C-alpha atoms as a PDB file:
ATOM      1  CA  MET A   1     -37.747 150.188 -81.812  1.00  0.00           C
ATOM      2  CA  ILE A   2     -34.669 149.004 -82.196  1.00  0.00           C
ATOM      3  CA  GLU A   3     -32.769 151.804 -79.640  1.00  0.00           C
ATOM      4  CA  SER A   4     -29.339 150.457 -80.605  1.00  0.00           C
ATOM      5  CA  PRO A   5     -27.704 146.897 -80.946  1.00  0.00           C
ATOM      6  CA  ALA A   6     -27.055 146.230 -77.500  1.00  0.00           C
ATOM      7  CA  PHE A   7     -30.260 146.813 -76.504  1.00  0.00           C
ATOM      8  CA  LEU A   8     -31.940 144.181 -79.027  1.00  0.00           C
ATOM      9  CA  HIS A   9     -29.405 141.934 -77.646  1.00  0.00           C
ATOM     10  CA  GLU A  10     -29.580 142.218 -74.135  1.00  0.00           C
ATOM     11  CA  VAL A  11     -34.251 142.445 -74.399  1.00  0.00           C
ATOM     12  CA  GLY A  12     -34.113 139.407 -77.422  1.00  0.00           C
ATOM     13  CA  PRO A  13     -32.380 136.572 -74.461  1.00  0.00           C
ATOM     14  CA  ARG A  14     -35.030 138.536 -71.793  1.00  0.00           C
ATOM     15  CA  VAL A  15     -38.453 137.491 -73.797  1.00  0.00           C
ATOM     16  CA  ARG A  16     -37.136 134.084 -74.314  1.00  0.00           C
ATOM     17  CA  ALA A  17     -36.815 133.555 -71.105  1.00  0.00           C
ATOM     18  CA  ILE A  18     -40.157 135.258 -70.153  1.00  0.00           C
ATOM     19  CA  ALA A  19     -42.288 133.165 -72.577  1.00  0.00           C
ATOM     20  CA  ASP A  20     -40.707 130.085 -71.579  1.00  0.00           C
ATOM     21  CA  SER A  21     -41.585 130.180 -68.421  1.00  0.00           C
ATOM     22  CA  ALA A  22     -44.322 131.435 -69.253  1.00  0.00           C
ATOM     23  CA  GLY A  23     -44.624 129.002 -71.651  1.00  0.00           C
ATOM     24  CA  VAL A  24     -45.690 130.239 -75.029  1.00  0.00           C
ATOM     25  CA  ASP A  25     -44.619 130.725 -78.285  1.00  0.00           C
ATOM     26  CA  PHE A  26     -43.604 134.205 -79.623  1.00  0.00           C
ATOM     27  CA  VAL A  27     -42.492 135.861 -82.671  1.00  0.00           C
ATOM     28  CA  PHE A  28     -39.944 138.824 -81.703  1.00  0.00           C
ATOM     29  CA  LYS A  29     -40.430 141.593 -82.935  1.00  0.00           C
ATOM     30  CA  ALA A  30     -39.273 145.480 -83.368  1.00  0.00           C
ATOM     31  CA  SER A  31     -38.913 148.327 -85.444  1.00  0.00           C
ATOM     32  CA  TYR A  32     -35.768 149.642 -87.362  1.00  0.00           C
ATOM     33  CA  ASP A  33     -38.090 152.956 -88.779  1.00  0.00           C
ATOM     34  CA  LYS A  34     -40.758 154.401 -86.866  1.00  0.00           C
ATOM     35  CA  ALA A  35     -42.017 156.411 -89.799  1.00  0.00           C
ATOM     36  CA  ASN A  36     -44.983 157.252 -88.429  1.00  0.00           C
ATOM     37  CA  ARG A  37     -44.489 159.561 -85.865  1.00  0.00           C
ATOM     38  CA  SER A  38     -46.479 162.602 -84.245  1.00  0.00           C
ATOM     39  CA  SER A  39     -43.424 164.851 -84.866  1.00  0.00           C
ATOM     40  CA  GLY A  40     -41.051 165.040 -87.114  1.00  0.00           C
ATOM     41  CA  LYS A  41     -38.343 165.664 -84.699  1.00  0.00           C
ATOM     42  CA  SER A  42     -38.869 161.850 -83.186  1.00  0.00           C
ATOM     43  CA  PHE A  43     -35.871 159.182 -83.103  1.00  0.00           C
ATOM     44  CA  ARG A  44     -37.047 157.081 -85.846  1.00  0.00           C
ATOM     45  CA  GLY A  45     -34.556 154.322 -85.828  1.00  0.00           C
ATOM     46  CA  VAL A  46     -31.643 152.789 -87.359  1.00  0.00           C
ATOM     47  CA  GLY A  47     -32.447 152.161 -91.052  1.00  0.00           C
ATOM     48  CA  CYS A  48     -33.592 149.288 -92.956  1.00  0.00           C
ATOM     49  CA  GLU A  49     -31.311 146.639 -93.802  1.00  0.00           C
ATOM     50  CA  GLU A  50     -28.807 146.781 -90.305  1.00  0.00           C
ATOM     51  CA  GLY A  51     -32.270 146.520 -88.727  1.00  0.00           C
ATOM     52  CA  CYS A  52     -33.710 143.696 -90.098  1.00  0.00           C
ATOM     53  CA  ARG A  53     -29.814 142.217 -90.136  1.00  0.00           C
ATOM     54  CA  LEU A  54     -29.066 143.253 -86.530  1.00  0.00           C
ATOM     55  CA  LEU A  55     -33.169 140.967 -85.830  1.00  0.00           C
ATOM     56  CA  ALA A  56     -32.091 137.789 -87.986  1.00  0.00           C
ATOM     57  CA  GLU A  57     -28.916 137.350 -85.654  1.00  0.00           C
ATOM     58  CA  VAL A  58     -31.091 138.193 -82.829  1.00  0.00           C
ATOM     59  CA  GLY A  59     -33.548 135.686 -83.442  1.00  0.00           C
ATOM     60  CA  ALA A  60     -30.930 133.693 -84.705  1.00  0.00           C
ATOM     61  CA  ALA A  61     -29.395 133.790 -81.010  1.00  0.00           C
ATOM     62  CA  ILE A  62     -32.862 133.206 -79.154  1.00  0.00           C
ATOM     63  CA  GLY A  63     -34.356 130.132 -81.647  1.00  0.00           C
ATOM     64  CA  ALA A  64     -37.033 132.660 -82.278  1.00  0.00           C
ATOM     65  CA  PRO A  65     -38.795 133.711 -85.900  1.00  0.00           C
ATOM     66  CA  VAL A  66     -38.837 137.550 -85.979  1.00  0.00           C
ATOM     67  CA  THR A  67     -40.916 140.566 -87.838  1.00  0.00           C
ATOM     68  CA  THR A  68     -40.671 143.884 -88.151  1.00  0.00           C
ATOM     69  CA  ASP A  69     -42.684 146.804 -90.131  1.00  0.00           C
ATOM     70  CA  ILE A  70     -41.997 147.830 -93.679  1.00  0.00           C
ATOM     71  CA  HIS A  71     -43.403 150.918 -95.465  1.00  0.00           C
ATOM     72  CA  THR A  72     -42.796 150.730 -99.531  1.00  0.00           C
ATOM     73  CA  ALA A  73     -41.638 147.938-101.568  1.00  0.00           C
ATOM     74  CA  GLU A  74     -38.495 148.353-101.472  1.00  0.00           C
ATOM     75  CA  GLU A  75     -38.238 148.140 -98.198  1.00  0.00           C
ATOM     76  CA  ALA A  76     -39.879 144.260 -98.446  1.00  0.00           C
ATOM     77  CA  SER A  77     -37.531 142.826-100.510  1.00  0.00           C
ATOM     78  CA  ILE A  78     -34.619 144.220 -98.648  1.00  0.00           C
ATOM     79  CA  ALA A  79     -36.258 142.555 -95.037  1.00  0.00           C
ATOM     80  CA  ALA A  80     -37.758 139.350 -96.573  1.00  0.00           C
ATOM     81  CA  GLU A  81     -33.801 138.847 -96.636  1.00  0.00           C
ATOM     82  CA  PHE A  82     -33.947 138.559 -93.321  1.00  0.00           C
ATOM     83  CA  VAL A  83     -37.127 138.388 -91.404  1.00  0.00           C
ATOM     84  CA  ASP A  84     -39.958 135.570 -91.573  1.00  0.00           C
ATOM     85  CA  VAL A  85     -42.989 137.510 -91.071  1.00  0.00           C
ATOM     86  CA  LEU A  86     -43.346 140.985 -92.740  1.00  0.00           C
ATOM     87  CA  GLN A  87     -45.569 143.237 -90.732  1.00  0.00           C
ATOM     88  CA  ILE A  88     -47.864 146.647 -92.933  1.00  0.00           C
ATOM     89  CA  PRO A  89     -48.691 149.235 -90.830  1.00  0.00           C
ATOM     90  CA  ALA A  90     -51.884 150.023 -90.015  1.00  0.00           C
ATOM     91  CA  PHE A  91     -52.114 153.515 -92.117  1.00  0.00           C
ATOM     92  CA  LEU A  92     -50.530 151.527 -95.016  1.00  0.00           C
ATOM     93  CA  CYS A  93     -53.159 148.902 -95.129  1.00  0.00           C
ATOM     94  CA  ARG A  94     -54.638 150.341 -98.162  1.00  0.00           C
ATOM     95  CA  GLN A  95     -50.989 150.287-100.055  1.00  0.00           C
ATOM     96  CA  THR A  96     -51.868 147.706-103.255  1.00  0.00           C
ATOM     97  CA  ASP A  97     -48.135 148.269-104.309  1.00  0.00           C
ATOM     98  CA  LEU A  98     -46.981 147.513-100.774  1.00  0.00           C
ATOM     99  CA  ILE A  99     -49.389 144.986 -99.790  1.00  0.00           C
ATOM    100  CA  GLU A 100     -47.669 142.944-103.457  1.00  0.00           C
ATOM    101  CA  ALA A 101     -44.968 143.693-102.825  1.00  0.00           C
ATOM    102  CA  ALA A 102     -44.997 141.933 -99.516  1.00  0.00           C
ATOM    103  CA  ALA A 103     -47.153 139.107-101.105  1.00  0.00           C
ATOM    104  CA  LYS A 104     -44.579 137.824-103.485  1.00  0.00           C
ATOM    105  CA  THR A 105     -41.841 137.586-101.238  1.00  0.00           C
ATOM    106  CA  GLY A 106     -42.670 134.099-100.255  1.00  0.00           C
ATOM    107  CA  ARG A 107     -43.137 135.685 -96.561  1.00  0.00           C
ATOM    108  CA  VAL A 108     -45.733 135.142 -93.906  1.00  0.00           C
ATOM    109  CA  VAL A 109     -47.579 138.678 -93.960  1.00  0.00           C
ATOM    110  CA  ASN A 110     -48.933 140.629 -90.528  1.00  0.00           C
ATOM    111  CA  VAL A 111     -51.156 143.805 -91.926  1.00  0.00           C
ATOM    112  CA  LYS A 112     -52.074 146.249 -89.108  1.00  0.00           C
ATOM    113  CA  LYS A 113     -56.072 147.150 -89.272  1.00  0.00           C
ATOM    114  CA  GLY A 114     -56.118 150.721 -89.930  1.00  0.00           C
ATOM    115  CA  GLN A 115     -58.294 152.654 -87.091  1.00  0.00           C
ATOM    116  CA  PHE A 116     -60.255 154.404 -89.931  1.00  0.00           C
ATOM    117  CA  LEU A 117     -61.502 150.462 -91.456  1.00  0.00           C
ATOM    118  CA  ALA A 118     -64.809 148.743 -89.978  1.00  0.00           C
ATOM    119  CA  PRO A 119     -63.359 144.570 -89.249  1.00  0.00           C
ATOM    120  CA  TRP A 120     -65.378 143.309 -92.512  1.00  0.00           C
ATOM    121  CA  ASP A 121     -63.451 145.591 -94.589  1.00  0.00           C
ATOM    122  CA  VAL A 122     -60.859 143.226 -93.797  1.00  0.00           C
ATOM    123  CA  ARG A 123     -61.857 140.378 -96.817  1.00  0.00           C
ATOM    124  CA  ASN A 124     -60.570 142.978 -99.185  1.00  0.00           C
ATOM    125  CA  ILE A 125     -57.344 142.845 -98.188  1.00  0.00           C
ATOM    126  CA  ALA A 126     -57.902 139.395 -98.075  1.00  0.00           C
ATOM    127  CA  ASP A 127     -58.157 139.288-101.676  1.00  0.00           C
ATOM    128  CA  LYS A 128     -55.349 141.143-102.691  1.00  0.00           C
ATOM    129  CA  LEU A 129     -53.362 139.600-100.669  1.00  0.00           C
ATOM    130  CA  GLU A 130     -54.278 136.090-102.287  1.00  0.00           C
ATOM    131  CA  ALA A 131     -54.958 137.518-105.309  1.00  0.00           C
ATOM    132  CA  PHE A 132     -50.675 138.611-105.492  1.00  0.00           C
ATOM    133  CA  GLY A 133     -50.303 134.831-103.799  1.00  0.00           C
ATOM    134  CA  CYS A 134     -50.151 134.901-100.519  1.00  0.00           C
ATOM    135  CA  ARG A 135     -52.073 131.842 -98.219  1.00  0.00           C
ATOM    136  CA  ASN A 136     -49.797 133.037 -95.159  1.00  0.00           C
ATOM    137  CA  TYR A 137     -51.012 135.589 -93.516  1.00  0.00           C
ATOM    138  CA  PHE A 138     -53.201 137.252 -90.602  1.00  0.00           C
ATOM    139  CA  ILE A 139     -54.762 140.917 -89.726  1.00  0.00           C
ATOM    140  CA  THR A 140     -54.177 142.383 -86.511  1.00  0.00           C
ATOM    141  CA  GLU A 141     -57.150 144.542 -84.886  1.00  0.00           C
ATOM    142  CA  ARG A 142     -55.252 147.389 -83.233  1.00  0.00           C
ATOM    143  CA  GLY A 143     -58.829 149.312 -82.424  1.00  0.00           C
ATOM    144  CA  THR A 144     -60.939 151.771 -83.702  1.00  0.00           C
ATOM    145  CA  THR A 145     -60.665 155.556 -83.867  1.00  0.00           C
ATOM    146  CA  PHE A 146     -63.098 156.891 -81.018  1.00  0.00           C
ATOM    147  CA  GLY A 147     -63.690 160.768 -81.464  1.00  0.00           C
ATOM    148  CA  TYR A 148     -59.662 163.559 -80.578  1.00  0.00           C
ATOM    149  CA  ASN A 149     -57.092 161.399 -79.078  1.00  0.00           C
ATOM    150  CA  ASN A 150     -58.452 158.210 -78.443  1.00  0.00           C
ATOM    151  CA  LEU A 151     -58.818 154.361 -79.983  1.00  0.00           C
ATOM    152  CA  VAL A 152     -61.683 151.837 -78.517  1.00  0.00           C
ATOM    153  CA  ALA A 153     -61.322 148.069 -78.613  1.00  0.00           C
ATOM    154  CA  ASP A 154     -64.331 146.308 -80.191  1.00  0.00           C
ATOM    155  CA  MET A 155     -64.249 142.763 -79.269  1.00  0.00           C
ATOM    156  CA  ARG A 156     -67.187 141.617 -81.873  1.00  0.00           C
ATOM    157  CA  ALA A 157     -64.198 142.624 -84.849  1.00  0.00           C
ATOM    158  CA  ILE A 158     -62.577 139.827 -83.537  1.00  0.00           C
ATOM    159  CA  PRO A 159     -65.145 137.003 -84.585  1.00  0.00           C
ATOM    160  CA  TRP A 160     -66.071 139.255 -87.328  1.00  0.00           C
ATOM    161  CA  MET A 161     -62.660 139.550 -89.127  1.00  0.00           C
ATOM    162  CA  GLN A 162     -62.779 134.985 -88.590  1.00  0.00           C
ATOM    163  CA  GLU A 163     -65.968 135.229 -90.206  1.00  0.00           C
ATOM    164  CA  ALA A 164     -64.477 136.263 -92.933  1.00  0.00           C
ATOM    165  CA  GLY A 165     -62.086 134.139 -93.282  1.00  0.00           C
ATOM    166  CA  VAL A 166     -58.701 135.438 -92.110  1.00  0.00           C
ATOM    167  CA  ARG A 167     -56.909 134.424 -88.591  1.00  0.00           C
ATOM    168  CA  VAL A 168     -56.929 137.275 -86.451  1.00  0.00           C
ATOM    169  CA  VAL A 169     -54.256 138.537 -83.785  1.00  0.00           C
ATOM    170  CA  PHE A 170     -55.042 141.156 -81.396  1.00  0.00           C
ATOM    171  CA  ASP A 171     -52.998 144.140 -80.492  1.00  0.00           C
ATOM    172  CA  ALA A 172     -53.817 145.270 -76.824  1.00  0.00           C
ATOM    173  CA  THR A 173     -50.943 147.906 -76.407  1.00  0.00           C
ATOM    174  CA  HIS A 174     -51.442 149.605 -79.491  1.00  0.00           C
ATOM    175  CA  SER A 175     -54.908 149.599 -78.385  1.00  0.00           C
ATOM    176  CA  VAL A 176     -54.445 151.335 -75.923  1.00  0.00           C
ATOM    177  CA  GLN A 177     -53.006 154.283 -77.130  1.00  0.00           C
ATOM    178  CA  ARG A 178     -53.648 157.791 -77.849  1.00  0.00           C
ATOM    179  CA  PRO A 179     -52.228 159.125 -80.561  1.00  0.00           C
ATOM    180  CA  GLY A 180     -51.296 162.646 -80.389  1.00  0.00           C
ATOM    181  CA  GLY A 181     -51.934 162.372 -77.042  1.00  0.00           C
ATOM    182  CA  GLU A 182     -49.528 164.326 -75.631  1.00  0.00           C
ATOM    183  CA  GLY A 183     -49.479 166.693 -78.486  1.00  0.00           C
ATOM    184  CA  ALA A 184     -45.632 166.258 -79.633  1.00  0.00           C
ATOM    185  CA  SER A 185     -46.376 163.080 -79.198  1.00  0.00           C
ATOM    186  CA  SER A 186     -48.738 159.847 -78.299  1.00  0.00           C
ATOM    187  CA  GLY A 187     -49.704 159.301 -74.668  1.00  0.00           C
ATOM    188  CA  GLY A 188     -51.460 155.802 -73.716  1.00  0.00           C
ATOM    189  CA  ASP A 189     -53.200 153.319 -71.207  1.00  0.00           C
ATOM    190  CA  GLY A 190     -50.756 150.492 -70.383  1.00  0.00           C
ATOM    191  CA  ARG A 191     -51.766 149.538 -67.574  1.00  0.00           C
ATOM    192  CA  LEU A 192     -55.098 148.449 -69.280  1.00  0.00           C
ATOM    193  CA  ALA A 193     -53.335 146.482 -72.304  1.00  0.00           C
ATOM    194  CA  PRO A 194     -53.291 143.278 -69.897  1.00  0.00           C
ATOM    195  CA  VAL A 195     -57.042 144.197 -69.188  1.00  0.00           C
ATOM    196  CA  LEU A 196     -57.739 144.230 -73.195  1.00  0.00           C
ATOM    197  CA  ALA A 197     -54.935 141.257 -73.592  1.00  0.00           C
ATOM    198  CA  ARG A 198     -57.738 139.101 -71.281  1.00  0.00           C
ATOM    199  CA  ALA A 199     -60.939 140.025 -73.252  1.00  0.00           C
ATOM    200  CA  ALA A 200     -59.426 138.814 -76.240  1.00  0.00           C
ATOM    201  CA  VAL A 201     -58.328 136.014 -75.914  1.00  0.00           C
ATOM    202  CA  ALA A 202     -61.828 135.346 -74.300  1.00  0.00           C
ATOM    203  CA  ALA A 203     -63.154 136.260 -77.230  1.00  0.00           C
ATOM    204  CA  GLY A 204     -61.311 133.858 -79.340  1.00  0.00           C
ATOM    205  CA  CYS A 205     -58.469 135.488 -80.878  1.00  0.00           C
ATOM    206  CA  ASP A 206     -55.829 133.954 -83.198  1.00  0.00           C
ATOM    207  CA  GLY A 207     -52.835 135.302 -81.203  1.00  0.00           C
ATOM    208  CA  VAL A 208     -52.028 138.721 -79.021  1.00  0.00           C
ATOM    209  CA  PHE A 209     -49.458 141.603 -79.525  1.00  0.00           C
ATOM    210  CA  LEU A 210     -47.333 142.729 -77.321  1.00  0.00           C
ATOM    211  CA  GLU A 211     -45.257 145.542 -76.310  1.00  0.00           C
ATOM    212  CA  THR A 212     -42.259 146.382 -74.041  1.00  0.00           C
ATOM    213  CA  HIS A 213     -39.780 147.464 -72.518  1.00  0.00           C
ATOM    214  CA  PRO A 214     -37.617 147.705 -69.377  1.00  0.00           C
ATOM    215  CA  ASP A 215     -38.374 151.521 -68.909  1.00  0.00           C
ATOM    216  CA  PRO A 216     -41.278 152.810 -70.451  1.00  0.00           C
ATOM    217  CA  ALA A 217     -41.283 155.862 -68.891  1.00  0.00           C
ATOM    218  CA  ASN A 218     -37.802 156.440 -70.751  1.00  0.00           C
ATOM    219  CA  ALA A 219     -38.641 154.448 -74.419  1.00  0.00           C
ATOM    220  CA  PRO A 220     -38.483 156.535 -77.444  1.00  0.00           C
ATOM    221  CA  SER A 221     -41.499 155.892 -78.852  1.00  0.00           C
ATOM    222  CA  ASP A 222     -45.191 153.808 -77.404  1.00  0.00           C
ATOM    223  CA  GLY A 223     -43.671 154.043 -73.702  1.00  0.00           C
ATOM    224  CA  PRO A 224     -47.303 154.712 -72.030  1.00  0.00           C
ATOM    225  CA  ASN A 225     -49.167 152.297 -73.602  1.00  0.00           C
ATOM    226  CA  GLN A 226     -46.391 149.554 -72.760  1.00  0.00           C
ATOM    227  CA  ILE A 227     -45.674 146.117 -70.445  1.00  0.00           C
ATOM    228  CA  PRO A 228     -42.891 146.925 -68.099  1.00  0.00           C
ATOM    229  CA  LEU A 229     -40.688 143.528 -69.549  1.00  0.00           C
ATOM    230  CA  ASP A 230     -40.521 143.030 -66.036  1.00  0.00           C
ATOM    231  CA  ARG A 231     -44.443 142.325 -65.549  1.00  0.00           C
ATOM    232  CA  LEU A 232     -44.836 140.572 -68.822  1.00  0.00           C
ATOM    233  CA  GLU A 233     -44.810 136.923 -67.026  1.00  0.00           C
ATOM    234  CA  PRO A 234     -47.215 137.010 -65.399  1.00  0.00           C
ATOM    235  CA  VAL A 235     -49.331 138.496 -68.342  1.00  0.00           C
ATOM    236  CA  LEU A 236     -48.504 135.378 -70.795  1.00  0.00           C
ATOM    237  CA  VAL A 237     -50.040 133.085 -67.980  1.00  0.00           C
ATOM    238  CA  GLN A 238     -52.948 134.167 -67.704  1.00  0.00           C
ATOM    239  CA  LEU A 239     -53.327 134.609 -71.373  1.00  0.00           C
ATOM    240  CA  ARG A 240     -52.114 131.076 -72.152  1.00  0.00           C
ATOM    241  CA  GLU A 241     -54.529 129.586 -69.319  1.00  0.00           C
ATOM    242  CA  ILE A 242     -57.473 132.152 -70.742  1.00  0.00           C
ATOM    243  CA  HIS A 243     -56.263 130.680 -74.472  1.00  0.00           C
ATOM    244  CA  ALA A 244     -56.712 126.911 -72.913  1.00  0.00           C
ATOM    245  CA  LEU A 245     -59.704 127.574 -70.911  1.00  0.00           C
ATOM    246  CA  VAL A 246     -61.483 128.787 -74.158  1.00  0.00           C
ATOM    247  CA  ARG A 247     -60.479 126.389 -76.539  1.00  0.00           C
ATOM    248  CA  ARG A 248     -61.635 123.632 -74.200  1.00  0.00           C
ATOM    249  CA  PRO A 249     -64.153 121.457 -75.540  1.00  0.00           C
ATOM    250  CA  ALA A 250     -67.457 122.584 -74.644  1.00  0.00           C
ATOM    251  CA  ALA A 251     -69.013 119.740 -72.042  1.00  0.00           C
END
């Protein structure tokens, strides 16, 4: 989340340095509006145009592509002026008008798979994107609703979605979220995010989505499921090594 311009300009270079040290490519992500909050009193963000402009500034400064969530067709056109990848939130993954607007910007599109969808249902999302002219897109797996205030990550979803013809990113930090688990906010099991990330890379995912923060305990959004920034590098190194092993040709 974009907590402030100063925060974004502080964290961006630190993530760049960590990624370089770990030897991985990355897309820098921050939200200008956390529209799906448990409580109406929760902090939401700085707004679309200001947030996207800040993201573009940081992306240019650190030499990395940037992405952010969009929530309406109007926001798609605004964000597309500044960011490289438009992300459609999980709860909006079936909103045809939003998918159409994102596809027609010409930007790369990432669609978070809803917690309520089966893996093979993403083919319908892909068909919509392609019908509206988008060929450069991917789908992000972020767990499936499992009873109340809980999610479960089924690693079989990764090859099943790939068999449906889509590139799959695994969202390790949102997959350990406990939606609404704290009453007026969501809880999470951040310590398990690296575990699921390792499993997803071993299962052959095409990328990993990780949320990080210098001080997760005081983050205004998703703190309980985030990886502390000072613990991010060894996680990335492990994932890079697992990826190299999985992609190594069989003897």
